[in-house]
Protein backbone atom coordinates (compact mmCIF):
# COMPACT_ATOMS: atom_id res chain seq x y z
CA UNK A 1 72.83 124.47 23.33
CA UNK A 2 69.35 125.92 23.50
CA UNK A 3 68.63 128.80 25.92
CA UNK A 4 66.47 126.40 27.94
CA UNK A 5 69.38 123.99 28.50
CA UNK A 6 71.93 126.76 29.18
CA UNK A 7 69.72 128.46 31.74
CA UNK A 8 69.02 125.17 33.51
CA UNK A 9 72.72 124.33 33.72
CA UNK A 10 73.50 127.78 35.15
CA UNK A 11 70.77 127.34 37.76
CA UNK A 12 71.89 123.90 38.90
CA UNK A 13 75.60 124.84 38.83
CA UNK A 14 75.30 127.50 41.49
CA UNK A 15 72.70 125.61 43.52
CA UNK A 16 74.95 122.54 43.55
CA UNK A 17 77.88 124.63 44.77
CA UNK A 18 75.64 126.15 47.46
CA UNK A 19 74.50 122.68 48.58
CA UNK A 20 78.12 121.58 48.99
CA UNK A 21 78.84 124.63 51.16
CA UNK A 22 75.68 124.10 53.23
CA UNK A 23 76.53 120.43 53.69
CA UNK A 24 79.97 121.25 55.05
CA UNK A 25 78.67 124.16 57.16
CA UNK A 26 75.92 121.95 58.57
CA UNK A 27 78.30 119.05 59.11
CA UNK A 28 80.49 121.30 61.24
CA UNK A 29 78.01 123.49 63.09
CA UNK A 30 74.54 121.85 62.97
CA UNK A 31 74.33 118.63 64.97
CA UNK A 32 70.92 117.04 64.39
CA UNK A 33 71.57 113.78 66.23
CA UNK A 34 68.16 114.12 67.93
CA UNK A 35 66.18 114.67 64.71
CA UNK A 36 64.25 111.38 65.18
CA UNK A 37 63.88 111.70 68.96
CA UNK A 38 62.74 115.25 69.68
CA UNK A 39 60.24 117.59 67.99
CA UNK A 40 61.61 120.32 65.74
CA UNK A 41 60.23 123.18 63.71
CA UNK A 42 59.46 122.80 59.98
CA UNK A 43 62.60 124.68 58.89
CA UNK A 44 64.79 122.26 60.84
CA UNK A 45 63.33 119.35 58.90
CA UNK A 46 63.87 121.23 55.64
CA UNK A 47 67.54 121.71 56.61
CA UNK A 48 67.85 118.04 57.61
CA UNK A 49 66.39 116.89 54.30
CA UNK A 50 68.23 119.29 51.98
CA UNK A 51 71.78 119.33 53.37
CA UNK A 52 72.98 115.73 53.77
CA UNK A 53 75.93 114.02 52.14
CA UNK A 54 73.62 112.51 49.51
CA UNK A 55 72.73 115.84 47.91
CA UNK A 56 76.19 117.34 48.39
CA UNK A 57 77.83 114.42 46.59
CA UNK A 58 75.16 114.55 43.92
CA UNK A 59 76.20 118.17 43.42
CA UNK A 60 79.74 116.96 42.66
CA UNK A 61 78.40 114.42 40.18
CA UNK A 62 76.45 117.25 38.53
CA UNK A 63 79.67 119.26 38.15
CA UNK A 64 81.23 116.36 36.25
CA UNK A 65 78.15 115.99 34.04
CA UNK A 66 78.02 119.72 33.27
CA UNK A 67 81.74 119.78 32.55
CA UNK A 68 81.24 116.97 30.07
CA UNK A 69 78.36 118.87 28.46
CA UNK A 70 80.14 122.20 28.21
CA UNK A 71 83.68 120.97 27.48
CA UNK A 72 83.56 117.38 26.25
CA UNK A 73 80.68 117.78 23.83
CA UNK A 74 82.08 121.04 22.50
CA UNK A 75 85.53 119.59 21.80
CA UNK A 76 84.02 116.66 19.86
CA UNK A 77 82.20 119.19 17.68
CA UNK A 78 85.51 120.98 17.07
CA UNK A 79 87.17 117.70 16.10
CA UNK A 80 84.87 117.38 13.13
CA UNK A 81 86.41 120.46 11.50
CA UNK A 82 89.50 119.97 9.29
CA UNK A 83 91.80 122.02 11.53
CA UNK A 84 94.09 121.51 14.49
CA UNK A 85 92.59 122.34 17.84
CA UNK A 86 94.42 120.67 20.72
CA UNK A 87 96.90 123.42 21.65
CA UNK A 88 94.29 126.16 21.78
CA UNK A 89 91.88 123.87 23.58
CA UNK A 90 94.45 122.92 26.23
CA UNK A 91 95.43 126.55 26.80
CA UNK A 92 91.77 127.49 27.27
CA UNK A 93 91.12 124.64 29.70
CA UNK A 94 94.23 125.18 31.83
CA UNK A 95 93.51 128.90 32.00
CA UNK A 96 90.03 128.10 33.33
CA UNK A 97 91.38 125.78 36.04
CA UNK A 98 94.47 127.65 37.19
CA UNK A 99 93.18 131.21 37.22
CA UNK A 100 91.20 130.17 40.31
CA UNK A 101 93.26 127.26 41.64
CA UNK A 102 96.49 129.21 42.18
CA UNK A 103 94.90 132.11 44.13
CA UNK A 104 92.80 129.63 46.14
CA UNK A 105 95.93 127.67 47.10
CA UNK A 106 97.58 130.90 48.25
CA UNK A 107 94.50 131.99 50.21
CA UNK A 108 94.07 128.52 51.72
CA UNK A 109 97.73 128.44 52.73
CA UNK A 110 97.41 131.81 54.51
CA UNK A 111 94.11 130.92 56.20
CA UNK A 112 95.33 127.51 57.34
CA UNK A 113 98.68 128.74 58.59
CA UNK A 114 97.00 131.68 60.31
CA UNK A 115 94.50 129.36 61.98
CA UNK A 116 97.22 126.95 63.12
CA UNK A 117 99.15 129.88 64.61
CA UNK A 118 96.18 131.60 66.27
CA UNK A 119 94.53 128.49 67.67
CA UNK A 120 97.49 126.27 68.49
CA UNK A 121 96.90 123.45 70.92
CA UNK A 122 93.13 123.12 70.93
CA UNK A 123 91.90 123.30 67.37
CA UNK A 124 90.79 121.18 64.48
CA UNK A 125 94.10 121.73 62.72
CA UNK A 126 95.65 119.13 65.03
CA UNK A 127 92.84 116.63 64.40
CA UNK A 128 93.60 113.26 62.78
CA UNK A 129 91.52 114.13 59.69
CA UNK A 130 94.18 116.69 58.70
CA UNK A 131 97.25 114.71 59.74
CA UNK A 132 99.95 115.12 57.10
CA UNK A 133 97.95 117.67 55.11
CA UNK A 134 100.17 120.63 55.96
CA UNK A 135 103.41 119.39 54.40
CA UNK A 136 104.58 122.23 52.11
CA UNK A 137 105.64 119.80 49.38
CA UNK A 138 101.97 118.88 48.85
CA UNK A 139 101.57 122.22 47.08
CA UNK A 140 103.53 120.80 44.12
CA UNK A 141 101.26 117.82 43.31
CA UNK A 142 98.25 120.07 43.91
CA UNK A 143 99.63 122.50 41.33
CA UNK A 144 99.97 119.51 39.00
CA UNK A 145 96.29 118.66 39.67
CA UNK A 146 97.21 115.29 41.16
CA UNK A 147 95.33 115.93 44.42
CA UNK A 148 92.64 113.38 45.05
CA UNK A 149 94.27 111.00 42.56
CA UNK A 150 97.76 110.15 43.80
CA UNK A 151 98.11 112.71 46.60
CA UNK A 152 95.99 114.31 49.30
CA UNK A 153 95.18 118.02 48.79
CA UNK A 154 97.28 120.54 50.67
CA UNK A 155 95.80 121.88 53.90
CA UNK A 156 92.13 121.75 54.81
CA UNK A 157 90.84 122.23 51.26
CA UNK A 158 89.73 118.65 50.69
CA UNK A 159 87.15 119.56 47.98
CA UNK A 160 90.02 120.31 45.59
CA UNK A 161 90.15 116.55 44.88
CA UNK A 162 87.48 116.91 42.22
CA UNK A 163 89.31 119.73 40.43
CA UNK A 164 92.36 117.52 39.97
CA UNK A 165 90.25 114.86 38.30
CA UNK A 166 88.42 117.35 36.11
CA UNK A 167 91.71 118.82 34.93
CA UNK A 168 92.91 115.40 33.75
CA UNK A 169 89.55 114.60 32.14
CA UNK A 170 90.16 117.70 30.02
CA UNK A 171 93.38 116.08 28.80
CA UNK A 172 92.38 112.42 28.53
CA UNK A 173 89.03 112.78 26.76
CA UNK A 174 90.18 114.54 23.56
CA UNK A 175 93.31 112.41 23.37
CA UNK A 176 91.27 109.21 23.46
CA UNK A 177 89.06 110.55 20.69
CA UNK A 178 91.88 112.03 18.62
CA UNK A 179 91.49 109.31 15.93
CA UNK A 180 88.21 111.07 15.07
CA UNK A 181 89.90 114.46 14.57
CA UNK A 182 89.92 115.58 10.95
CA UNK A 183 92.78 118.04 11.32
CA UNK A 184 95.61 115.64 12.20
CA UNK A 185 97.59 112.98 10.37
CA UNK A 186 97.21 109.28 11.09
CA UNK A 187 100.40 108.97 13.15
CA UNK A 188 99.45 111.92 15.37
CA UNK A 189 95.95 110.55 15.90
CA UNK A 190 97.21 107.11 16.92
CA UNK A 191 99.95 108.52 19.17
CA UNK A 192 97.46 110.86 20.86
CA UNK A 193 95.01 108.04 21.52
CA UNK A 194 97.75 105.84 23.01
CA UNK A 195 98.92 108.73 25.20
CA UNK A 196 95.36 109.28 26.42
CA UNK A 197 94.95 105.60 27.25
CA UNK A 198 98.29 105.57 29.12
CA UNK A 199 97.38 108.66 31.17
CA UNK A 200 93.96 107.24 32.00
CA UNK A 201 95.50 103.93 33.11
CA UNK A 202 98.08 105.72 35.25
CA UNK A 203 95.47 107.85 36.99
CA UNK A 204 93.01 104.97 37.41
CA UNK A 205 95.74 102.83 39.01
CA UNK A 206 95.62 105.14 42.03
CA UNK A 207 92.39 103.46 43.13
CA UNK A 208 90.75 106.86 43.51
CA UNK A 209 87.38 108.02 42.14
CA UNK A 210 89.12 109.01 38.89
CA UNK A 211 88.09 106.01 36.77
CA UNK A 212 84.43 106.05 37.74
CA UNK A 213 84.21 109.85 37.79
CA UNK A 214 85.02 109.72 34.09
CA UNK A 215 81.65 108.06 33.48
CA UNK A 216 79.48 111.08 34.50
CA UNK A 217 81.86 113.30 32.50
CA UNK A 218 81.48 111.19 29.34
CA UNK A 219 77.72 110.94 29.90
CA UNK A 220 77.63 114.74 29.92
CA UNK A 221 79.55 114.90 26.65
CA UNK A 222 77.12 112.41 25.11
CA UNK A 223 74.21 114.58 26.26
CA UNK A 224 75.66 117.46 24.23
CA UNK A 225 75.84 115.28 21.11
CA UNK A 226 72.72 113.09 21.31
CA UNK A 227 70.78 113.38 18.03
CA UNK A 228 67.36 113.11 19.67
CA UNK A 229 65.82 113.07 23.17
CA UNK A 230 64.55 109.93 24.85
CA UNK A 231 61.43 111.82 25.91
CA UNK A 232 59.76 115.00 24.77
CA UNK A 233 58.41 116.26 28.08
CA UNK A 234 60.91 118.31 30.05
CA UNK A 235 58.60 118.02 33.07
CA UNK A 236 58.72 114.23 32.96
CA UNK A 237 62.52 114.34 32.66
CA UNK A 238 62.69 116.74 35.62
CA UNK A 239 60.34 114.54 37.65
CA UNK A 240 62.48 111.46 37.02
CA UNK A 241 65.67 113.23 38.11
CA UNK A 242 64.06 114.67 41.27
CA UNK A 243 62.35 111.37 42.12
CA UNK A 244 65.57 109.39 41.82
CA UNK A 245 67.41 111.95 43.98
CA UNK A 246 64.74 111.89 46.69
CA UNK A 247 64.53 108.08 46.76
CA UNK A 248 68.30 107.82 47.09
CA UNK A 249 68.26 110.44 49.86
CA UNK A 250 65.56 108.69 51.89
CA UNK A 251 66.24 105.03 51.15
CA UNK A 252 70.03 104.73 51.37
CA UNK A 253 71.96 105.65 54.54
CA UNK A 254 74.63 108.29 54.03
CA UNK A 255 77.37 105.90 55.18
CA UNK A 256 76.45 103.47 52.37
CA UNK A 257 76.57 106.19 49.71
CA UNK A 258 80.33 106.38 50.05
CA UNK A 259 80.83 102.63 49.60
CA UNK A 260 81.26 100.65 46.38
CA UNK A 261 79.11 99.39 44.64
CA UNK A 262 76.37 101.61 46.09
CA UNK A 263 78.32 104.73 45.20
CA UNK A 264 78.88 103.58 41.62
CA UNK A 265 75.21 102.73 41.16
CA UNK A 266 73.79 105.94 42.65
CA UNK A 267 76.30 108.22 40.95
CA UNK A 268 75.77 106.52 37.60
CA UNK A 269 71.99 106.71 37.94
CA UNK A 270 72.11 110.39 38.91
CA UNK A 271 74.38 111.17 35.97
CA UNK A 272 72.08 109.38 33.52
CA UNK A 273 68.96 111.13 34.87
CA UNK A 274 70.63 114.53 34.62
CA UNK A 275 71.93 113.79 31.12
CA UNK A 276 68.43 112.74 30.04
CA UNK A 277 67.06 116.03 31.35
CA UNK A 278 69.73 118.07 29.54
CA UNK A 279 69.08 116.25 26.26
CA UNK A 280 65.36 116.94 26.63
CA UNK A 281 66.06 120.63 27.21
CA UNK A 282 68.43 120.75 24.23
CA UNK A 283 65.45 120.02 22.00
CA UNK A 284 63.07 122.35 23.84
CA UNK A 285 62.34 125.40 21.71
CA UNK A 286 60.52 127.26 24.45
CA UNK A 287 61.80 129.14 27.48
CA UNK A 288 62.51 125.99 29.44
CA UNK A 289 61.62 125.98 33.12
CA UNK A 290 60.27 129.26 34.46
CA UNK A 291 62.31 128.92 37.66
CA UNK A 292 65.48 129.16 35.52
CA UNK A 293 64.67 132.39 33.68
CA UNK A 294 65.96 134.87 36.27
CA UNK A 295 69.22 136.63 35.36
CA UNK A 296 70.32 135.91 38.94
CA UNK A 297 71.17 132.32 37.99
CA UNK A 298 73.75 133.34 35.41
CA UNK A 299 75.36 135.83 37.79
CA UNK A 300 75.56 133.23 40.55
CA UNK A 301 76.84 130.52 38.20
CA UNK A 302 79.63 132.83 37.04
CA UNK A 303 81.39 132.50 40.41
CA UNK A 304 80.23 129.03 41.50
CA UNK A 305 83.73 127.65 40.82
CA UNK A 306 85.21 130.15 43.27
CA UNK A 307 82.54 129.27 45.86
CA UNK A 308 83.38 125.59 45.65
CA UNK A 309 87.16 126.04 45.62
CA UNK A 310 87.31 128.55 48.48
CA UNK A 311 84.78 127.48 51.07
CA UNK A 312 86.28 124.77 53.27
CA UNK A 313 89.38 126.58 54.63
CA UNK A 314 87.07 129.42 55.70
CA UNK A 315 84.70 127.01 57.47
CA UNK A 316 87.56 125.23 59.25
CA UNK A 317 88.99 128.57 60.41
CA UNK A 318 85.63 129.56 61.93
CA UNK A 319 85.34 126.07 63.47
CA UNK A 320 88.71 126.54 65.16
CA UNK A 321 87.71 130.05 66.26
CA UNK A 322 84.53 128.83 67.95
CA UNK A 323 86.48 126.13 69.79
CA UNK A 324 88.93 128.75 71.04
CA UNK A 325 86.60 131.70 71.70
CA UNK A 326 83.40 130.01 72.89
CA UNK A 327 84.38 126.60 74.26
CA UNK A 328 85.98 123.43 72.92
CA UNK A 329 83.42 121.24 71.21
CA UNK A 330 80.78 123.97 70.95
CA UNK A 331 80.32 123.27 67.25
CA UNK A 332 79.34 119.65 67.96
CA UNK A 333 76.68 120.35 70.59
CA UNK A 334 73.05 119.71 69.67
CA UNK A 335 72.01 122.47 67.30
CA UNK A 336 70.52 125.63 68.76
CA UNK A 337 69.62 128.85 66.91
CA UNK A 338 73.15 130.19 67.33
CA UNK A 339 74.57 127.15 65.52
CA UNK A 340 72.30 127.79 62.53
CA UNK A 341 73.27 131.46 62.67
CA UNK A 342 76.98 130.61 62.45
CA UNK A 343 76.44 128.09 59.63
CA UNK A 344 74.31 130.51 57.59
CA UNK A 345 76.59 133.44 58.39
CA UNK A 346 79.61 131.46 57.18
CA UNK A 347 77.77 130.54 53.99
CA UNK A 348 76.89 134.16 53.24
CA UNK A 349 80.44 135.28 54.03
CA UNK A 350 81.84 132.61 51.69
CA UNK A 351 79.51 133.76 48.90
CA UNK A 352 80.70 137.35 49.38
CA UNK A 353 84.39 136.37 49.50
CA UNK A 354 84.03 134.10 46.46
CA UNK A 355 82.31 136.84 44.49
CA UNK A 356 85.14 139.25 45.29
CA UNK A 357 87.73 136.63 44.33
CA UNK A 358 85.91 135.89 41.09
CA UNK A 359 86.09 139.52 40.00
CA UNK A 360 89.87 139.23 39.71
CA UNK A 361 90.01 135.57 38.64
CA UNK A 362 87.06 133.95 36.85
CA UNK A 363 85.94 137.25 35.34
CA UNK A 364 89.41 137.66 33.79
CA UNK A 365 89.60 134.20 32.21
CA UNK A 366 89.28 135.52 28.67
CA UNK A 367 92.07 138.04 29.33
CA UNK A 368 94.37 135.24 30.50
CA UNK A 369 93.45 133.12 27.52
CA UNK A 370 94.26 135.88 25.04
CA UNK A 371 97.61 136.46 26.74
CA UNK A 372 98.39 132.71 26.69
CA UNK A 373 97.36 132.45 23.04
CA UNK A 374 99.82 135.20 22.18
CA UNK A 375 102.55 133.48 24.16
CA UNK A 376 102.08 129.85 23.10
CA UNK A 377 100.19 129.94 19.81
CA UNK A 378 102.18 130.49 16.60
CA UNK A 379 101.31 133.67 14.78
CA UNK A 380 99.45 133.04 11.49
CA UNK A 381 101.67 133.30 8.47
CA UNK A 382 101.16 136.48 6.50
CA UNK A 383 100.20 136.12 2.86
CA UNK A 384 102.84 137.62 0.60
CA UNK A 385 101.81 140.71 -1.29
CA UNK A 386 100.83 139.94 -4.89
CA UNK A 387 103.39 140.90 -7.51
CA UNK A 388 102.60 144.19 -9.23
């Protein structure tokens, strides 16, 4: 990866996570039902344009594309070497997922149970959208990364659905391509490919987003491996991606974006436009886009996973608190300055909490990996000392 491509991915990673948080914060606290009927200030229209479902879901598609770039493309490159790789690869991937997922499940459990206890009787926790979500046994399939595929996520943390799919993409993708691996025998390669196909079929049979979500992931992997760009101008590639995103935002109602085949078409188009941009940047020998050169982007990207995984239980807790402490339904009243203040305040608090969490989770990923390597990887055989 060139510095231009890496810096761009870091920039979009954290901005996509922020857009998801702002979408959920706005969906809870900023009711703009009168946006077409009453005059508003310029910043209100900026909020209305930038924080809808369209851009939030596009952020999720971007996560799949970037995961394919950073993980899928890299593992294909490792397959070309005449050595085994799968055990180390799987340890590294599971460490990356679970070092955040397990603490987030614990935090979400405490926040949700605390909110249910504090705000019993008149809160969102009793709403139909969370019916059945608080069964303790749901923690087990969530720990197995089956949430969003065969099971609903535990508690209010609905965004964890995408992490379950990503975890299984980590497993399925290299297994399907194992026949290309130079470090394994023929029987192992065939068995691995068949296992990958069986796992994919089992997950796809759930009728969830799993099967189609694999497309943006594979497109990302292809972007890492493409031998040449389709276009030389990074500005033209950026323009195409932005133009497609804006047209989708303005031309297609949000309710339609969650329906097939509209969802398949828009997600696929977004993934292809982003992949085209990444390939163009891979062959850019300059600094890339100037707006991506700040060191802030790397620092923010380093805890974007924690931001995404942590945010919704916090927002739901504050939602329940406003219903109890201000008045029931306050969050759904037409937006006033105090509603924006709560939404923005929650977003800033989530960023601060996620950063603190990341210092003891994401920042320690390499430590966990080294420990797991020592535990699960066989020690290299020592060469016998030459005879004297």
